[in-house]
Amino acid sequence: MHRWLIVLVALALAAPATAVAQENPFGPLPPAQPSPAPSAPPDTSDEDSGGTGRNTLYLIGAALLVGFLAIGWWISRDARRFTPRGTDRQALREEGPHRHGRQAKAKARARTKAQRAARRRNR
């Protein structure tokens, strides 16, 4: 039963649909439709318009604002809890073991600078 339904839907979607307006694209334009007579606006003094009131929108906005502030406070509190206190990034770098010493890094930088200068001279 379901298979036939799927096949029928697939065939209906696969069939090309012809647009009535495009039968003769270079033909004359159809006559303009007469505009309907203006009707009197409905009286809405006694019945509810069904729209959302301004107070309701303010209440929703306030609830969203409070929610965003609470989420921001919670995230910052959680981030502060796991941050180590009193640590200096440079001090941590100087304490740990390094693969290369300061002199080796300075020597490598000087060598790179000399190579760059030689390339400029040989242009």
Protein backbone atom coordinates (compact mmCIF):
# COMPACT_ATOMS: atom_id res chain seq x y z
CA MET A 1 0.00 0.00 0.00
CA HIS A 2 2.73 2.45 0.98
CA ARG A 3 4.86 1.55 -1.99
CA TRP A 4 2.10 2.41 -4.43
CA LEU A 5 1.55 5.72 -2.72
CA ILE A 6 5.26 6.56 -2.96
CA VAL A 7 5.32 5.56 -6.64
CA LEU A 8 2.24 7.69 -7.41
CA VAL A 9 3.68 10.72 -5.63
CA ALA A 10 7.01 10.30 -7.46
CA LEU A 11 5.22 10.06 -10.82
CA ALA A 12 3.10 13.12 -10.06
CA LEU A 13 6.20 15.12 -9.17
CA ALA A 14 8.13 13.87 -12.20
CA ALA A 15 5.40 14.82 -14.70
CA PRO A 16 6.15 18.20 -16.28
CA ALA A 17 3.64 20.86 -15.43
CA THR A 18 2.83 23.40 -18.12
CA ALA A 19 2.28 26.97 -17.12
CA VAL A 20 -0.81 28.54 -18.67
CA ALA A 21 0.76 31.98 -18.74
CA GLN A 22 3.70 30.74 -20.83
CA GLU A 23 1.80 29.14 -23.68
CA ASN A 24 2.50 32.09 -25.97
CA PRO A 25 5.07 34.39 -24.33
CA PHE A 26 5.07 36.88 -27.25
CA GLY A 27 1.28 37.25 -27.50
CA PRO A 28 -0.75 40.23 -26.35
CA LEU A 29 -1.27 40.88 -22.67
CA PRO A 30 -4.57 39.75 -21.13
CA PRO A 31 -7.03 42.54 -20.29
CA ALA A 32 -6.66 44.15 -16.90
CA GLN A 33 -8.92 42.85 -14.14
CA PRO A 34 -11.43 45.40 -12.86
CA SER A 35 -10.58 46.59 -9.39
CA PRO A 36 -13.09 45.49 -6.74
CA ALA A 37 -15.22 48.13 -5.08
CA PRO A 38 -13.75 49.29 -1.77
CA SER A 39 -15.54 47.79 1.16
CA ALA A 40 -16.14 49.40 4.52
CA PRO A 41 -13.54 48.53 7.16
CA PRO A 42 -14.83 46.06 9.73
CA ASP A 43 -15.83 47.40 13.11
CA THR A 44 -13.29 46.10 15.62
CA SER A 45 -14.34 48.11 18.64
CA ASP A 46 -16.04 45.21 20.41
CA GLU A 47 -14.01 42.22 19.32
CA ASP A 48 -10.38 41.29 20.08
CA SER A 49 -7.98 41.84 17.19
CA GLY A 50 -6.17 38.58 17.96
CA GLY A 51 -2.71 40.22 17.83
CA THR A 52 -0.10 40.10 20.53
CA GLY A 53 -0.37 43.08 22.84
CA ARG A 54 2.44 45.50 23.63
CA ASN A 55 2.59 44.43 27.29
CA THR A 56 3.00 40.81 26.26
CA LEU A 57 5.86 41.71 23.93
CA TYR A 58 7.57 43.71 26.69
CA LEU A 59 7.20 40.76 29.04
CA ILE A 60 8.72 38.37 26.48
CA GLY A 61 11.60 40.81 25.85
CA ALA A 62 12.28 41.16 29.57
CA ALA A 63 12.27 37.39 30.01
CA LEU A 64 14.77 37.01 27.15
CA LEU A 65 16.99 39.72 28.61
CA VAL A 66 16.98 38.09 32.03
CA GLY A 67 17.69 34.72 30.44
CA PHE A 68 20.65 36.05 28.43
CA LEU A 69 22.08 37.80 31.48
CA ALA A 70 21.75 34.62 33.55
CA ILE A 71 23.49 32.54 30.88
CA GLY A 72 26.30 35.12 30.59
CA TRP A 73 26.76 35.20 34.36
CA TRP A 74 26.84 31.41 34.54
CA ILE A 75 29.42 31.13 31.73
CA SER A 76 31.71 33.78 33.25
CA ARG A 77 31.40 32.21 36.73
CA ASP A 78 32.30 28.81 35.33
CA ALA A 79 35.25 30.25 33.38
CA ARG A 80 36.60 32.06 36.47
CA ARG A 81 36.35 28.91 38.53
CA PHE A 82 38.75 26.95 36.30
CA THR A 83 41.27 29.76 35.63
CA PRO A 84 44.47 29.38 37.67
CA ARG A 85 44.94 32.38 39.96
CA GLY A 86 48.15 34.36 40.28
CA THR A 87 49.90 32.82 37.29
CA ASP A 88 51.93 34.77 34.78
CA ARG A 89 52.18 33.36 31.28
CA GLN A 90 55.78 34.53 30.84
CA ALA A 91 56.81 33.05 34.19
CA LEU A 92 55.31 29.69 33.24
CA ARG A 93 57.25 29.73 29.97
CA GLU A 94 60.56 30.45 31.68
CA GLU A 95 60.11 27.66 34.23
CA GLY A 96 59.39 24.76 31.92
CA PRO A 97 61.86 22.71 29.90
CA HIS A 98 62.42 23.87 26.35
CA ARG A 99 63.63 22.03 23.32
CA HIS A 100 65.99 24.86 22.36
CA GLY A 101 67.83 27.30 24.58
CA ARG A 102 67.78 31.07 24.19
CA GLN A 103 71.24 31.13 22.59
CA ALA A 104 70.27 28.52 20.00
CA LYS A 105 67.14 30.47 19.08
CA ALA A 106 69.09 33.72 18.80
CA LYS A 107 71.70 31.99 16.60
CA ALA A 108 68.96 30.55 14.34
CA ARG A 109 67.32 33.97 14.00
CA ALA A 110 70.66 35.58 13.08
CA ARG A 111 71.28 32.87 10.46
CA THR A 112 67.80 33.42 8.96
CA LYS A 113 68.39 37.18 8.88
CA ALA A 114 71.74 36.68 7.10
CA GLN A 115 70.15 34.36 4.52
CA ARG A 116 67.41 36.90 3.82
CA ALA A 117 70.00 39.65 3.37
CA ALA A 118 72.00 37.43 0.97
CA ARG A 119 68.90 36.77 -1.12
CA ARG A 120 68.25 40.50 -1.37
CA ARG A 121 71.83 41.14 -2.49
CA ASN A 122 71.68 38.45 -5.21
CA ARG A 123 68.53 39.68 -6.91
